[in-house]
Amino acid sequence: MSSNGDRYGEGSGSGSESSKSVAAGSLLGIGSTIDWSEVAKGLTVDRTVEEVSWITPGEHGARETLYRFCARLKGYSKQRNDPGRDALSGLSPYFHFGQLSPLAANLAVRAYRKSDPESADAFFEESVIRRELSDNYCFYNSRYDEIEGLYPQFDNNSWAQETLRAHARDRRPKLYSAQELDEGRTEDPLWNACQLEMVVTGKMHGFCRMLWAKKILEWTSSPQAAMDTALQLNDRYELDGRDPNGYVGVAWSIAGVHDQGWKERDVFGKIRYMSSDACKKKFDVGSYIKRVD
């Protein structure tokens, strides 16, 4: 995250401070002699997933994104579930990679609270309360990515295990292979657009991610297969993948974690149901699909 002028030994401090920096850098193996191309070769990375160019990485990019969000904070609470609007903060990749802390983000948002207290509270709910619920769920439950590991003692999820088990053998309206899902080749144009947005940009709107995961439950052979598929796709393409928020987001959508039972139906049992048709009542689905395509 440092600029080119911030190398060890090039600071504006005293000579002794500069020497200490050089010594520290030498001890840590940090310096101009590092061959970063060789370092990159040693990383286990799926290089078939292309880089994205729309986001500026690092601390400075995080700060710029944060203050742009603060400037348009008003309306966030009412617009954040509309994929057709530019209402989300866009900060989750920076939180994930440690380039910005939720504490710093909320302190900045608090300065703009007078413009829309409800939106400031909604951002706190999303970025602190929900995030800590996710962290705790994964930290205290080693089977956070398993249907049988829903940890009913922790989250009162025995109802979810029971309903998913009771409907595990229900006839699915359609079964898609992992490759078909990865390539967004289903009969649902909205779901395909959600998948395409994630593959191309590394980011999917939060509301779309709920529908996206729930349809995978409907289109795979079992609840565990659905969770495995959703997490595999999420971790492969999302900039904020491999993260407690992602794991719990999938578990909420597919297995009712942090949710309650709803009207019982085939496949889903009492898990909250969502459909592409119902989304048409919430936002302009046609415009979203056109924009993504």
Protein backbone atom coordinates (compact mmCIF):
# COMPACT_ATOMS: atom_id res chain seq x y z
CA MET A 1 0.00 0.00 0.00
CA SER A 2 3.05 2.27 0.06
CA SER A 3 3.92 4.54 -2.83
CA ASN A 4 7.18 4.12 -4.72
CA GLY A 5 8.67 6.95 -2.67
CA ASP A 6 8.06 5.12 0.59
CA ARG A 7 10.76 2.47 0.24
CA TYR A 8 12.95 1.71 3.23
CA GLY A 9 15.78 4.25 3.62
CA GLU A 10 14.03 6.94 1.55
CA GLY A 11 11.99 8.49 4.35
CA SER A 12 12.39 12.05 5.60
CA GLY A 13 13.39 11.05 9.17
CA SER A 14 16.80 11.34 10.80
CA GLY A 15 19.73 9.29 9.64
CA SER A 16 19.45 6.90 12.58
CA GLU A 17 15.75 6.30 11.85
CA SER A 18 16.58 5.67 8.20
CA SER A 19 19.26 3.15 9.18
CA LYS A 20 16.84 1.36 11.45
CA SER A 21 14.37 1.14 8.57
CA VAL A 22 16.99 -0.33 6.27
CA ALA A 23 18.06 -2.82 8.94
CA ALA A 24 14.48 -3.83 9.63
CA GLY A 25 13.86 -4.21 5.92
CA SER A 26 16.96 -6.38 5.52
CA LEU A 27 15.93 -8.61 8.40
CA LEU A 28 12.48 -9.07 6.91
CA GLY A 29 13.84 -9.71 3.45
CA ILE A 30 12.20 -6.55 2.14
CA GLY A 31 14.06 -4.51 -0.42
CA SER A 32 14.62 -3.72 -4.07
CA THR A 33 16.27 -7.11 -4.71
CA ILE A 34 13.00 -9.04 -4.30
CA ASP A 35 11.86 -10.60 -7.56
CA TRP A 36 8.09 -10.15 -7.23
CA SER A 37 7.42 -12.20 -10.36
CA GLU A 38 9.03 -15.17 -8.62
CA VAL A 39 6.99 -14.48 -5.49
CA ALA A 40 3.83 -14.48 -7.60
CA LYS A 41 4.75 -17.86 -9.10
CA GLY A 42 4.75 -19.36 -5.63
CA LEU A 43 1.15 -18.35 -4.95
CA THR A 44 -1.65 -20.85 -5.35
CA VAL A 45 -4.03 -18.77 -7.46
CA ASP A 46 -6.70 -19.69 -9.99
CA ARG A 47 -5.27 -17.73 -12.90
CA THR A 48 -8.19 -18.62 -15.17
CA VAL A 49 -10.17 -15.96 -13.29
CA GLU A 50 -9.35 -12.64 -14.93
CA GLU A 51 -8.32 -9.54 -13.03
CA VAL A 52 -10.78 -6.70 -12.58
CA SER A 53 -9.97 -3.08 -13.34
CA TRP A 54 -12.92 -1.17 -11.88
CA ILE A 55 -11.59 -1.09 -8.30
CA THR A 56 -8.46 0.65 -7.01
CA PRO A 57 -6.75 -1.58 -4.44
CA GLY A 58 -4.93 -0.42 -1.34
CA GLU A 59 -5.50 2.03 1.49
CA HIS A 60 -5.88 5.07 -0.74
CA GLY A 61 -8.46 3.35 -2.91
CA ALA A 62 -10.32 2.28 0.22
CA ARG A 63 -10.39 5.82 1.58
CA GLU A 64 -11.63 7.25 -1.70
CA THR A 65 -14.39 4.64 -1.90
CA LEU A 66 -15.38 5.33 1.71
CA TYR A 67 -15.70 9.08 1.26
CA ARG A 68 -17.62 8.69 -1.98
CA PHE A 69 -20.04 6.51 -0.06
CA CYS A 70 -20.31 9.05 2.76
CA ALA A 71 -21.17 11.75 0.23
CA ARG A 72 -24.13 9.70 -1.03
CA LEU A 73 -25.11 8.16 2.30
CA LYS A 74 -28.60 9.67 2.18
CA GLY A 75 -31.05 7.05 0.95
CA TYR A 76 -28.79 4.06 1.61
CA SER A 77 -31.21 2.40 4.03
CA LYS A 78 -34.06 2.44 1.49
CA GLN A 79 -32.06 1.84 -1.70
CA ARG A 80 -29.47 -0.76 -0.66
CA ASN A 81 -31.68 -3.68 -1.75
CA ASP A 82 -32.17 -2.30 -5.26
CA PRO A 83 -29.52 -3.71 -7.65
CA GLY A 84 -30.45 -0.99 -10.13
CA ARG A 85 -29.12 1.78 -7.88
CA ASP A 86 -25.58 2.71 -6.92
CA ALA A 87 -26.37 2.68 -3.21
CA LEU A 88 -23.99 0.11 -1.70
CA SER A 89 -20.74 1.15 -0.08
CA GLY A 90 -18.47 -1.08 -2.17
CA LEU A 91 -16.23 -1.52 0.86
CA SER A 92 -16.40 -5.28 1.44
CA PRO A 93 -13.26 -6.10 -0.63
CA TYR A 94 -11.29 -3.55 1.40
CA PHE A 95 -12.61 -4.98 4.67
CA HIS A 96 -11.76 -8.48 3.49
CA PHE A 97 -8.14 -7.69 2.59
CA GLY A 98 -7.54 -5.52 5.65
CA GLN A 99 -7.08 -2.31 3.67
CA LEU A 100 -9.82 -0.59 5.68
CA SER A 101 -11.35 -1.46 9.04
CA PRO A 102 -15.10 -1.41 9.73
CA LEU A 103 -14.30 0.81 12.73
CA ALA A 104 -12.66 3.47 10.55
CA ALA A 105 -15.53 3.26 8.07
CA ASN A 106 -18.17 3.74 10.77
CA LEU A 107 -16.31 6.65 12.34
CA ALA A 108 -16.33 8.34 8.93
CA VAL A 109 -20.00 7.56 8.33
CA ARG A 110 -20.87 8.91 11.78
CA ALA A 111 -19.61 12.33 10.70
CA TYR A 112 -22.34 12.32 8.01
CA ARG A 113 -25.03 10.91 10.30
CA LYS A 114 -27.11 14.10 10.33
CA SER A 115 -27.79 13.73 6.61
CA ASP A 116 -29.62 10.42 7.20
CA PRO A 117 -29.52 8.80 10.68
CA GLU A 118 -31.47 5.76 9.45
CA SER A 119 -28.88 5.04 6.77
CA ALA A 120 -25.98 5.47 9.19
CA ASP A 121 -27.65 2.95 11.50
CA ALA A 122 -28.28 0.56 8.60
CA PHE A 123 -24.61 0.72 7.62
CA PHE A 124 -23.58 -0.01 11.22
CA GLU A 125 -25.94 -3.01 11.28
CA GLU A 126 -24.46 -4.40 8.05
CA SER A 127 -20.77 -3.65 8.65
CA VAL A 128 -20.46 -4.37 12.38
CA ILE A 129 -23.35 -6.36 13.85
CA ARG A 130 -23.86 -8.73 10.90
CA ARG A 131 -20.12 -9.01 10.33
CA GLU A 132 -19.47 -9.98 13.95
CA LEU A 133 -22.32 -12.50 13.88
CA SER A 134 -20.62 -14.09 10.87
CA ASP A 135 -17.18 -14.03 12.48
CA ASN A 136 -18.52 -15.64 15.65
CA TYR A 137 -20.47 -18.29 13.76
CA CYS A 138 -17.39 -19.41 11.83
CA PHE A 139 -14.98 -19.06 14.75
CA TYR A 140 -17.04 -21.15 17.15
CA ASN A 141 -18.30 -23.68 14.60
CA SER A 142 -15.65 -25.67 12.73
CA ARG A 143 -18.40 -27.13 10.49
CA TYR A 144 -19.71 -23.74 9.34
CA ASP A 145 -19.85 -24.90 5.70
CA GLU A 146 -21.86 -28.09 6.36
CA ILE A 147 -25.60 -28.65 6.62
CA GLU A 148 -25.02 -31.14 9.42
CA GLY A 149 -22.84 -28.57 11.17
CA LEU A 150 -25.45 -25.85 11.48
CA TYR A 151 -24.73 -25.88 15.19
CA PRO A 152 -28.26 -25.71 16.60
CA GLN A 153 -26.97 -25.00 20.10
CA PHE A 154 -25.39 -21.79 18.80
CA ASP A 155 -28.05 -20.53 16.43
CA ASN A 156 -31.22 -22.50 17.23
CA ASN A 157 -31.02 -24.08 13.78
CA SER A 158 -32.46 -27.52 14.58
CA TRP A 159 -35.60 -26.55 12.64
CA ALA A 160 -33.49 -25.89 9.53
CA GLN A 161 -31.68 -29.23 9.72
CA GLU A 162 -34.97 -31.03 10.17
CA THR A 163 -36.76 -29.31 7.31
CA LEU A 164 -33.88 -29.69 4.87
CA ARG A 165 -33.51 -33.34 5.80
CA ALA A 166 -37.26 -33.91 5.32
CA HIS A 167 -37.17 -32.36 1.82
CA ALA A 168 -33.74 -33.56 0.69
CA ARG A 169 -35.28 -36.11 -1.70
CA ASP A 170 -37.92 -33.79 -3.15
CA ARG A 171 -38.04 -33.68 -6.92
CA ARG A 172 -36.09 -30.67 -8.21
CA PRO A 173 -37.70 -28.64 -11.02
CA LYS A 174 -34.34 -28.66 -12.83
CA LEU A 175 -30.83 -29.95 -12.17
CA TYR A 176 -27.82 -28.09 -13.55
CA SER A 177 -24.23 -29.23 -13.62
CA ALA A 178 -21.51 -27.26 -11.85
CA GLN A 179 -20.19 -26.14 -15.23
CA GLU A 180 -23.60 -24.93 -16.41
CA LEU A 181 -23.97 -22.88 -13.25
CA ASP A 182 -20.43 -21.54 -13.48
CA GLU A 183 -21.07 -20.39 -17.06
CA GLY A 184 -24.51 -18.96 -16.25
CA ARG A 185 -26.36 -21.28 -18.62
CA THR A 186 -29.73 -21.71 -16.90
CA GLU A 187 -33.27 -20.97 -18.02
CA ASP A 188 -33.46 -18.03 -15.60
CA PRO A 189 -32.15 -14.78 -17.21
CA LEU A 190 -31.94 -12.96 -13.88
CA TRP A 191 -29.88 -15.70 -12.24
CA ASN A 192 -27.59 -15.81 -15.28
CA ALA A 193 -27.09 -12.05 -15.01
CA CYS A 194 -26.23 -12.37 -11.32
CA GLN A 195 -23.65 -15.04 -12.08
CA LEU A 196 -22.22 -13.05 -15.00
CA GLU A 197 -21.88 -9.94 -12.85
CA MET A 198 -19.87 -11.93 -10.31
CA VAL A 199 -17.65 -13.62 -12.90
CA VAL A 200 -16.83 -10.43 -14.79
CA THR A 201 -16.61 -7.88 -11.97
CA GLY A 202 -15.79 -10.01 -8.94
CA LYS A 203 -18.80 -8.52 -7.18
CA MET A 204 -22.50 -9.33 -6.99
CA HIS A 205 -25.12 -7.07 -5.46
CA GLY A 206 -26.05 -8.24 -1.94
CA PHE A 207 -29.73 -8.68 -2.75
CA CYS A 208 -28.86 -10.71 -5.83
CA ARG A 209 -26.55 -12.95 -3.81
CA MET A 210 -29.52 -14.11 -1.72
CA LEU A 211 -31.59 -15.07 -4.76
CA TRP A 212 -28.53 -16.56 -6.45
CA ALA A 213 -27.78 -18.97 -3.58
CA LYS A 214 -31.41 -19.96 -3.06
CA LYS A 215 -31.83 -20.92 -6.70
CA ILE A 216 -28.76 -23.15 -6.39
CA LEU A 217 -30.60 -25.02 -3.61
CA GLU A 218 -33.47 -25.50 -6.06
CA TRP A 219 -31.20 -26.70 -8.87
CA THR A 220 -28.82 -29.14 -7.16
CA SER A 221 -29.28 -32.67 -5.91
CA SER A 222 -29.13 -31.99 -2.16
CA PRO A 223 -28.79 -29.14 0.36
CA GLN A 224 -25.13 -29.99 0.96
CA ALA A 225 -24.44 -30.07 -2.78
CA ALA A 226 -26.07 -26.64 -3.00
CA MET A 227 -23.90 -25.25 -0.23
CA ASP A 228 -20.74 -26.76 -1.73
CA THR A 229 -21.55 -25.34 -5.18
CA ALA A 230 -22.45 -21.88 -3.91
CA LEU A 231 -19.32 -21.60 -1.77
CA GLN A 232 -17.11 -22.86 -4.57
CA LEU A 233 -18.45 -20.22 -6.97
CA ASN A 234 -18.42 -17.50 -4.33
CA ASP A 235 -14.83 -18.22 -3.31
CA ARG A 236 -13.64 -18.50 -6.88
CA TYR A 237 -15.03 -15.23 -8.22
CA GLU A 238 -15.94 -12.84 -5.41
CA LEU A 239 -13.33 -10.30 -4.35
CA ASP A 240 -14.61 -10.76 -0.81
CA GLY A 241 -14.85 -14.54 -1.06
CA ARG A 242 -13.20 -16.92 1.43
CA ASP A 243 -14.71 -14.80 4.18
CA PRO A 244 -17.06 -15.46 7.14
CA ASN A 245 -19.60 -13.08 5.60
CA GLY A 246 -19.68 -15.18 2.45
CA TYR A 247 -19.98 -18.47 4.33
CA VAL A 248 -22.77 -17.21 6.55
CA GLY A 249 -24.49 -15.46 3.63
CA VAL A 250 -24.69 -18.79 1.81
CA ALA A 251 -25.75 -20.57 5.00
CA TRP A 252 -28.48 -17.97 5.57
CA SER A 253 -29.80 -18.39 2.02
CA ILE A 254 -29.62 -22.18 1.83
CA ALA A 255 -29.86 -23.31 5.46
CA GLY A 256 -31.67 -20.59 7.39
CA VAL A 257 -28.77 -19.54 9.62
CA HIS A 258 -29.76 -16.40 11.58
CA ASP A 259 -33.25 -16.67 10.08
CA GLN A 260 -36.57 -18.24 11.03
CA GLY A 261 -38.89 -20.81 9.51
CA TRP A 262 -41.38 -19.74 6.83
CA LYS A 263 -44.20 -21.31 4.87
CA GLU A 264 -43.31 -24.90 3.99
CA ARG A 265 -42.87 -25.83 0.34
CA ASP A 266 -41.14 -28.45 -1.81
CA VAL A 267 -37.31 -28.56 -1.81
CA PHE A 268 -36.99 -25.53 0.50
CA GLY A 269 -39.06 -26.88 3.33
CA LYS A 270 -39.36 -23.97 5.77
CA ILE A 271 -36.30 -22.12 4.43
CA ARG A 272 -37.17 -18.62 3.25
CA TYR A 273 -38.11 -18.74 -0.45
CA MET A 274 -37.18 -16.24 -3.15
CA SER A 275 -38.00 -16.24 -6.86
CA SER A 276 -36.98 -14.25 -9.90
CA ASP A 277 -40.61 -13.39 -10.61
CA ALA A 278 -41.00 -11.86 -7.15
CA CYS A 279 -37.88 -9.76 -7.76
CA LYS A 280 -39.69 -7.99 -10.59
CA LYS A 281 -41.87 -6.35 -7.93
CA LYS A 282 -38.82 -5.04 -6.07
CA PHE A 283 -36.58 -3.62 -8.79
CA ASP A 284 -36.26 -3.17 -12.55
CA VAL A 285 -35.05 -6.66 -13.43
CA GLY A 286 -34.95 -5.94 -17.17
CA SER A 287 -32.64 -2.95 -16.75
CA TYR A 288 -30.37 -4.91 -14.43
CA ILE A 289 -30.04 -7.78 -16.92
CA LYS A 290 -29.40 -5.36 -19.77
CA ARG A 291 -26.73 -3.51 -17.79
CA VAL A 292 -24.90 -6.70 -16.84
CA ASP A 293 -25.08 -8.17 -20.35
